[in-house]
Amino acid sequence: MRTTVDIPDLLYRRLKARAATEGRSVKSLLLEAAEAGLRNRTVPQQGKRVQLPLLRSAQPGSLKLDNRAIYELIGFP
C-alpha cells in the first residue's frame, strides 16, 4: 500500500543521513521503525474503568453546539 506522510525537514534529513550511513533506503528504515513501534506496544487490559476528573461549574447546564459553533470556540488550523 502506498501512503503519504508529512515529515518535518529536520527529521527527514536525519532519516536520510542514517539511511545513507547504513547503506539502505529511507523507506526500509521507516518500515523497520514502524514495525518495531507496533511490536513494542502493549494492549491495554480490558475491564479497567477510567477515572475522569470532575469539573464543577458555577452555572451548571448544557450547551447546544453544532460543528460551526465548535470550530468558532476551538482554534482549529
PDB file of N, CA and C in Angstrom:
ATOM      1  N   MET A   1       0.849  -1.174   0.000  1.00  0.00           N
ATOM      2  CA  MET A   1       0.000   0.000   0.000  1.00  0.00           C
ATOM      3  C   MET A   1       0.891   1.233   0.000  1.00  0.00           C
ATOM      4  N   ARG A   2       0.489   2.215  -0.727  1.00  0.00           N
ATOM      5  CA  ARG A   2       1.236   3.460  -0.811  1.00  0.00           C
ATOM      6  C   ARG A   2       0.481   4.517  -0.010  1.00  0.00           C
ATOM      7  N   THR A   3       1.222   5.340   0.737  1.00  0.00           N
ATOM      8  CA  THR A   3       0.608   6.408   1.520  1.00  0.00           C
ATOM      9  C   THR A   3       1.534   7.616   1.517  1.00  0.00           C
ATOM     10  N   THR A   4       1.008   8.747   1.949  1.00  0.00           N
ATOM     11  CA  THR A   4       1.793   9.971   2.043  1.00  0.00           C
ATOM     12  C   THR A   4       1.882  10.382   3.500  1.00  0.00           C
ATOM     13  N   VAL A   5       3.084  10.696   3.935  1.00  0.00           N
ATOM     14  CA  VAL A   5       3.310  11.125   5.318  1.00  0.00           C
ATOM     15  C   VAL A   5       4.106  12.413   5.288  1.00  0.00           C
ATOM     16  N   ASP A   6       3.668  13.410   6.035  1.00  0.00           N
ATOM     17  CA  ASP A   6       4.419  14.656   6.146  1.00  0.00           C
ATOM     18  C   ASP A   6       5.455  14.510   7.254  1.00  0.00           C
ATOM     19  N   ILE A   7       6.718  14.629   6.885  1.00  0.00           N
ATOM     20  CA  ILE A   7       7.823  14.511   7.827  1.00  0.00           C
ATOM     21  C   ILE A   7       8.532  15.857   7.877  1.00  0.00           C
ATOM     22  N   PRO A   8       8.728  16.434   9.060  1.00  0.00           N
ATOM     23  CA  PRO A   8       9.445  17.709   9.158  1.00  0.00           C
ATOM     24  C   PRO A   8      10.828  17.613   8.501  1.00  0.00           C
ATOM     25  N   ASP A   9      11.268  18.697   7.902  1.00  0.00           N
ATOM     26  CA  ASP A   9      12.531  18.723   7.152  1.00  0.00           C
ATOM     27  C   ASP A   9      13.711  18.208   7.970  1.00  0.00           C
ATOM     28  N   LEU A  10      13.857  18.691   9.185  1.00  0.00           N
ATOM     29  CA  LEU A  10      14.990  18.286  10.017  1.00  0.00           C
ATOM     30  C   LEU A  10      14.974  16.778  10.277  1.00  0.00           C
ATOM     31  N   LEU A  11      13.805  16.236  10.585  1.00  0.00           N
ATOM     32  CA  LEU A  11      13.691  14.801  10.832  1.00  0.00           C
ATOM     33  C   LEU A  11      14.004  14.014   9.558  1.00  0.00           C
ATOM     34  N   TYR A  12      13.529  14.489   8.411  1.00  0.00           N
ATOM     35  CA  TYR A  12      13.812  13.783   7.164  1.00  0.00           C
ATOM     36  C   TYR A  12      15.307  13.788   6.858  1.00  0.00           C
ATOM     37  N   ARG A  13      15.965  14.908   7.115  1.00  0.00           N
ATOM     38  CA  ARG A  13      17.419  14.959   6.889  1.00  0.00           C
ATOM     39  C   ARG A  13      18.141  13.950   7.773  1.00  0.00           C
ATOM     40  N   ARG A  14      17.688  13.819   9.023  1.00  0.00           N
ATOM     41  CA  ARG A  14      18.301  12.842   9.928  1.00  0.00           C
ATOM     42  C   ARG A  14      18.039  11.421   9.441  1.00  0.00           C
ATOM     43  N   LEU A  15      16.801  11.157   8.981  1.00  0.00           N
ATOM     44  CA  LEU A  15      16.475   9.839   8.441  1.00  0.00           C
ATOM     45  C   LEU A  15      17.348   9.512   7.227  1.00  0.00           C
ATOM     46  N   LYS A  16      17.461  10.470   6.326  1.00  0.00           N
ATOM     47  CA  LYS A  16      18.230  10.260   5.105  1.00  0.00           C
ATOM     48  C   LYS A  16      19.710  10.032   5.419  1.00  0.00           C
ATOM     49  N   ALA A  17      20.239  10.788   6.389  1.00  0.00           N
ATOM     50  CA  ALA A  17      21.634  10.620   6.771  1.00  0.00           C
ATOM     51  C   ALA A  17      21.876   9.241   7.380  1.00  0.00           C
ATOM     52  N   ARG A  18      20.977   8.798   8.254  1.00  0.00           N
ATOM     53  CA  ARG A  18      21.146   7.477   8.861  1.00  0.00           C
ATOM     54  C   ARG A  18      21.027   6.384   7.810  1.00  0.00           C
ATOM     55  N   ALA A  19      20.054   6.521   6.912  1.00  0.00           N
ATOM     56  CA  ALA A  19      19.896   5.524   5.857  1.00  0.00           C
ATOM     57  C   ALA A  19      21.159   5.439   5.008  1.00  0.00           C
ATOM     58  N   ALA A  20      21.741   6.587   4.679  1.00  0.00           N
ATOM     59  CA  ALA A  20      22.967   6.598   3.876  1.00  0.00           C
ATOM     60  C   ALA A  20      24.120   5.965   4.643  1.00  0.00           C
ATOM     61  N   THR A  21      24.219   6.273   5.931  1.00  0.00           N
ATOM     62  CA  THR A  21      25.281   5.704   6.768  1.00  0.00           C
ATOM     63  C   THR A  21      25.171   4.179   6.820  1.00  0.00           C
ATOM     64  N   GLU A  22      23.925   3.683   6.883  1.00  0.00           N
ATOM     65  CA  GLU A  22      23.696   2.244   6.980  1.00  0.00           C
ATOM     66  C   GLU A  22      23.624   1.574   5.607  1.00  0.00           C
ATOM     67  N   GLY A  23      23.725   2.375   4.546  1.00  0.00           N
ATOM     68  CA  GLY A  23      23.691   1.824   3.193  1.00  0.00           C
ATOM     69  C   GLY A  23      22.345   1.256   2.804  1.00  0.00           C
ATOM     70  N   ARG A  24      21.284   1.896   3.223  1.00  0.00           N
ATOM     71  CA  ARG A  24      19.940   1.429   2.908  1.00  0.00           C
ATOM     72  C   ARG A  24      19.047   2.590   2.531  1.00  0.00           C
ATOM     73  N   SER A  25      17.814   2.312   2.176  1.00  0.00           N
ATOM     74  CA  SER A  25      16.896   3.365   1.758  1.00  0.00           C
ATOM     75  C   SER A  25      16.137   3.936   2.961  1.00  0.00           C
ATOM     76  N   VAL A  26      15.626   5.147   2.781  1.00  0.00           N
ATOM     77  CA  VAL A  26      14.792   5.762   3.818  1.00  0.00           C
ATOM     78  C   VAL A  26      13.546   4.899   4.026  1.00  0.00           C
ATOM     79  N   LYS A  27      13.009   4.359   2.937  1.00  0.00           N
ATOM     80  CA  LYS A  27      11.822   3.512   3.029  1.00  0.00           C
ATOM     81  C   LYS A  27      12.062   2.325   3.957  1.00  0.00           C
ATOM     82  N   SER A  28      13.186   1.619   3.777  1.00  0.00           N
ATOM     83  CA  SER A  28      13.444   0.448   4.617  1.00  0.00           C
ATOM     84  C   SER A  28      13.639   0.844   6.072  1.00  0.00           C
ATOM     85  N   LEU A  29      14.255   1.995   6.308  1.00  0.00           N
ATOM     86  CA  LEU A  29      14.447   2.483   7.669  1.00  0.00           C
ATOM     87  C   LEU A  29      13.102   2.814   8.324  1.00  0.00           C
ATOM     88  N   LEU A  30      12.223   3.471   7.580  1.00  0.00           N
ATOM     89  CA  LEU A  30      10.898   3.816   8.110  1.00  0.00           C
ATOM     90  C   LEU A  30      10.055   2.570   8.374  1.00  0.00           C
ATOM     91  N   LEU A  31      10.099   1.600   7.451  1.00  0.00           N
ATOM     92  CA  LEU A  31       9.334   0.365   7.660  1.00  0.00           C
ATOM     93  C   LEU A  31       9.815  -0.386   8.898  1.00  0.00           C
ATOM     94  N   GLU A  32      11.118  -0.442   9.092  1.00  0.00           N
ATOM     95  CA  GLU A  32      11.652  -1.118  10.272  1.00  0.00           C
ATOM     96  C   GLU A  32      11.224  -0.406  11.554  1.00  0.00           C
ATOM     97  N   ALA A  33      11.272   0.925  11.543  1.00  0.00           N
ATOM     98  CA  ALA A  33      10.871   1.701  12.725  1.00  0.00           C
ATOM     99  C   ALA A  33       9.376   1.521  13.016  1.00  0.00           C
ATOM    100  N   ALA A  34       8.546   1.498  11.970  1.00  0.00           N
ATOM    101  CA  ALA A  34       7.102   1.308  12.164  1.00  0.00           C
ATOM    102  C   ALA A  34       6.817  -0.075  12.748  1.00  0.00           C
ATOM    103  N   GLU A  35       7.483  -1.105  12.217  1.00  0.00           N
ATOM    104  CA  GLU A  35       7.283  -2.464  12.732  1.00  0.00           C
ATOM    105  C   GLU A  35       7.731  -2.572  14.184  1.00  0.00           C
ATOM    106  N   ALA A  36       8.855  -1.961  14.510  1.00  0.00           N
ATOM    107  CA  ALA A  36       9.351  -2.004  15.894  1.00  0.00           C
ATOM    108  C   ALA A  36       8.396  -1.271  16.823  1.00  0.00           C
ATOM    109  N   GLY A  37       7.867  -0.137  16.378  1.00  0.00           N
ATOM    110  CA  GLY A  37       6.921   0.614  17.197  1.00  0.00           C
ATOM    111  C   GLY A  37       5.655  -0.164  17.464  1.00  0.00           C
ATOM    112  N   LEU A  38       5.154  -0.860  16.466  1.00  0.00           N
ATOM    113  CA  LEU A  38       3.946  -1.665  16.657  1.00  0.00           C
ATOM    114  C   LEU A  38       4.219  -2.892  17.511  1.00  0.00           C
ATOM    115  N   ARG A  39       5.374  -3.460  17.391  1.00  0.00           N
ATOM    116  CA  ARG A  39       5.733  -4.654  18.151  1.00  0.00           C
ATOM    117  C   ARG A  39       5.860  -4.334  19.642  1.00  0.00           C
ATOM    118  N   ASN A  40       6.322  -3.141  19.980  1.00  0.00           N
ATOM    119  CA  ASN A  40       6.568  -2.781  21.372  1.00  0.00           C
ATOM    120  C   ASN A  40       5.332  -2.244  22.089  1.00  0.00           C
ATOM    121  N   ARG A  41       4.245  -2.105  21.390  1.00  0.00           N
ATOM    122  CA  ARG A  41       3.021  -1.600  22.023  1.00  0.00           C
ATOM    123  C   ARG A  41       2.369  -2.699  22.848  1.00  0.00           C
ATOM    124  N   THR A  42       1.914  -2.340  24.019  1.00  0.00           N
ATOM    125  CA  THR A  42       1.178  -3.300  24.830  1.00  0.00           C
ATOM    126  C   THR A  42      -0.308  -3.027  24.663  1.00  0.00           C
ATOM    127  N   VAL A  43      -1.088  -4.075  24.686  1.00  0.00           N
ATOM    128  CA  VAL A  43      -2.529  -3.949  24.551  1.00  0.00           C
ATOM    129  C   VAL A  43      -3.103  -3.618  25.923  1.00  0.00           C
ATOM    130  N   PRO A  44      -3.909  -2.558  26.015  1.00  0.00           N
ATOM    131  CA  PRO A  44      -4.470  -2.211  27.325  1.00  0.00           C
ATOM    132  C   PRO A  44      -5.400  -3.315  27.829  1.00  0.00           C
ATOM    133  N   GLN A  45      -5.388  -3.503  29.132  1.00  0.00           N
ATOM    134  CA  GLN A  45      -6.242  -4.522  29.732  1.00  0.00           C
ATOM    135  C   GLN A  45      -7.693  -4.084  29.655  1.00  0.00           C
ATOM    136  N   GLN A  46      -8.546  -5.041  29.366  1.00  0.00           N
ATOM    137  CA  GLN A  46      -9.975  -4.766  29.292  1.00  0.00           C
ATOM    138  C   GLN A  46     -10.577  -4.771  30.693  1.00  0.00           C
ATOM    139  N   GLY A  47     -11.620  -4.021  30.880  1.00  0.00           N
ATOM    140  CA  GLY A  47     -12.340  -4.054  32.130  1.00  0.00           C
ATOM    141  C   GLY A  47     -11.910  -3.008  33.148  1.00  0.00           C
ATOM    142  N   LYS A  48     -10.810  -2.312  32.897  1.00  0.00           N
ATOM    143  CA  LYS A  48     -10.404  -1.273  33.843  1.00  0.00           C
ATOM    144  C   LYS A  48     -11.179   0.005  33.550  1.00  0.00           C
ATOM    145  N   ARG A  49     -11.761   0.556  34.572  1.00  0.00           N
ATOM    146  CA  ARG A  49     -12.506   1.803  34.401  1.00  0.00           C
ATOM    147  C   ARG A  49     -11.557   2.980  34.526  1.00  0.00           C
ATOM    148  N   VAL A  50     -11.822   3.980  33.753  1.00  0.00           N
ATOM    149  CA  VAL A  50     -11.021   5.185  33.772  1.00  0.00           C
ATOM    150  C   VAL A  50     -11.705   6.203  34.674  1.00  0.00           C
ATOM    151  N   GLN A  51     -10.950   6.801  35.582  1.00  0.00           N
ATOM    152  CA  GLN A  51     -11.484   7.822  36.470  1.00  0.00           C
ATOM    153  C   GLN A  51     -11.269   9.188  35.823  1.00  0.00           C
ATOM    154  N   LEU A  52     -12.330   9.805  35.367  1.00  0.00           N
ATOM    155  CA  LEU A  52     -12.236  11.110  34.728  1.00  0.00           C
ATOM    156  C   LEU A  52     -12.337  12.212  35.774  1.00  0.00           C
ATOM    157  N   PRO A  53     -11.662  13.326  35.544  1.00  0.00           N
ATOM    158  CA  PRO A  53     -11.765  14.426  36.504  1.00  0.00           C
ATOM    159  C   PRO A  53     -13.152  15.057  36.446  1.00  0.00           C
ATOM    160  N   LEU A  54     -13.651  15.444  37.592  1.00  0.00           N
ATOM    161  CA  LEU A  54     -14.947  16.093  37.678  1.00  0.00           C
ATOM    162  C   LEU A  54     -14.717  17.593  37.814  1.00  0.00           C
ATOM    163  N   LEU A  55     -15.294  18.350  36.927  1.00  0.00           N
ATOM    164  CA  LEU A  55     -15.154  19.804  36.952  1.00  0.00           C
ATOM    165  C   LEU A  55     -16.468  20.423  37.387  1.00  0.00           C
ATOM    166  N   ARG A  56     -16.409  21.176  38.430  1.00  0.00           N
ATOM    167  CA  ARG A  56     -17.607  21.850  38.933  1.00  0.00           C
ATOM    168  C   ARG A  56     -17.797  23.171  38.169  1.00  0.00           C
ATOM    169  N   SER A  57     -19.032  23.509  37.918  1.00  0.00           N
ATOM    170  CA  SER A  57     -19.337  24.727  37.176  1.00  0.00           C
ATOM    171  C   SER A  57     -20.178  25.656  38.034  1.00  0.00           C
ATOM    172  N   ALA A  58     -19.914  26.954  37.897  1.00  0.00           N
ATOM    173  CA  ALA A  58     -20.716  27.939  38.622  1.00  0.00           C
ATOM    174  C   ALA A  58     -22.111  28.039  38.009  1.00  0.00           C
ATOM    175  N   GLN A  59     -22.221  27.674  36.727  1.00  0.00           N
ATOM    176  CA  GLN A  59     -23.511  27.716  36.036  1.00  0.00           C
ATOM    177  C   GLN A  59     -23.749  26.367  35.351  1.00  0.00           C
ATOM    178  N   PRO A  60     -24.198  25.360  36.122  1.00  0.00           N
ATOM    179  CA  PRO A  60     -24.410  24.053  35.516  1.00  0.00           C
ATOM    180  C   PRO A  60     -25.530  24.094  34.484  1.00  0.00           C
ATOM    181  N   GLY A  61     -25.469  23.198  33.550  1.00  0.00           N
ATOM    182  CA  GLY A  61     -26.476  23.111  32.493  1.00  0.00           C
ATOM    183  C   GLY A  61     -25.868  22.418  31.297  1.00  0.00           C
ATOM    184  N   SER A  62     -26.462  22.616  30.165  1.00  0.00           N
ATOM    185  CA  SER A  62     -25.936  22.009  28.945  1.00  0.00           C
ATOM    186  C   SER A  62     -25.867  23.062  27.851  1.00  0.00           C
ATOM    187  N   LEU A  63     -25.041  22.784  26.873  1.00  0.00           N
ATOM    188  CA  LEU A  63     -24.884  23.671  25.733  1.00  0.00           C
ATOM    189  C   LEU A  63     -25.352  22.958  24.484  1.00  0.00           C
ATOM    190  N   LYS A  64     -25.986  23.692  23.613  1.00  0.00           N
ATOM    191  CA  LYS A  64     -26.363  23.132  22.326  1.00  0.00           C
ATOM    192  C   LYS A  64     -25.341  23.634  21.315  1.00  0.00           C
ATOM    193  N   LEU A  65     -24.458  22.739  20.905  1.00  0.00           N
ATOM    194  CA  LEU A  65     -23.391  23.108  19.983  1.00  0.00           C
ATOM    195  C   LEU A  65     -23.514  22.309  18.700  1.00  0.00           C
ATOM    196  N   ASP A  66     -23.260  22.976  17.598  1.00  0.00           N
ATOM    197  CA  ASP A  66     -23.130  22.271  16.330  1.00  0.00           C
ATOM    198  C   ASP A  66     -21.678  22.417  15.879  1.00  0.00           C
ATOM    199  N   ASN A  67     -21.305  21.809  14.774  1.00  0.00           N
ATOM    200  CA  ASN A  67     -19.918  21.842  14.314  1.00  0.00           C
ATOM    201  C   ASN A  67     -19.418  23.270  14.105  1.00  0.00           C
ATOM    202  N   ARG A  68     -20.250  24.142  13.559  1.00  0.00           N
ATOM    203  CA  ARG A  68     -19.845  25.524  13.325  1.00  0.00           C
ATOM    204  C   ARG A  68     -19.486  26.216  14.635  1.00  0.00           C
ATOM    205  N   ALA A  69     -20.293  26.013  15.670  1.00  0.00           N
ATOM    206  CA  ALA A  69     -20.031  26.638  16.965  1.00  0.00           C
ATOM    207  C   ALA A  69     -18.767  26.087  17.600  1.00  0.00           C
ATOM    208  N   ILE A  70     -18.534  24.807  17.441  1.00  0.00           N
ATOM    209  CA  ILE A  70     -17.320  24.195  17.992  1.00  0.00           C
ATOM    210  C   ILE A  70     -16.095  24.776  17.314  1.00  0.00           C
ATOM    211  N   TYR A  71     -16.143  24.901  15.994  1.00  0.00           N
ATOM    212  CA  TYR A  71     -14.999  25.457  15.255  1.00  0.00           C
ATOM    213  C   TYR A  71     -14.742  26.912  15.643  1.00  0.00           C
ATOM    214  N   GLU A  72     -15.794  27.637  16.029  1.00  0.00           N
ATOM    215  CA  GLU A  72     -15.597  29.018  16.476  1.00  0.00           C
ATOM    216  C   GLU A  72     -14.957  29.075  17.865  1.00  0.00           C
ATOM    217  N   LEU A  73     -15.286  28.100  18.724  1.00  0.00           N
ATOM    218  CA  LEU A  73     -14.751  28.077  20.083  1.00  0.00           C
ATOM    219  C   LEU A  73     -13.322  27.566  20.155  1.00  0.00           C
ATOM    220  N   ILE A  74     -12.996  26.603  19.302  1.00  0.00           N
ATOM    221  CA  ILE A  74     -11.675  25.988  19.333  1.00  0.00           C
ATOM    222  C   ILE A  74     -10.923  26.369  18.079  1.00  0.00           C
ATOM    223  N   GLY A  75      -9.710  26.877  18.245  1.00  0.00           N
ATOM    224  CA  GLY A  75      -8.925  27.319  17.098  1.00  0.00           C
ATOM    225  C   GLY A  75      -8.313  26.168  16.317  1.00  0.00           C
ATOM    226  N   PHE A  76      -9.058  25.617  15.371  1.00  0.00           N
ATOM    227  CA  PHE A  76      -8.521  24.561  14.511  1.00  0.00           C
ATOM    228  C   PHE A  76      -7.696  25.192  13.399  1.00  0.00           C
ATOM    229  N   PRO A  77      -6.650  24.491  12.961  1.00  0.00           N
ATOM    230  CA  PRO A  77      -5.831  25.036  11.870  1.00  0.00           C
ATOM    231  C   PRO A  77      -6.564  25.052  10.545  1.00  0.00           C
TER     232      PRO A  77
END
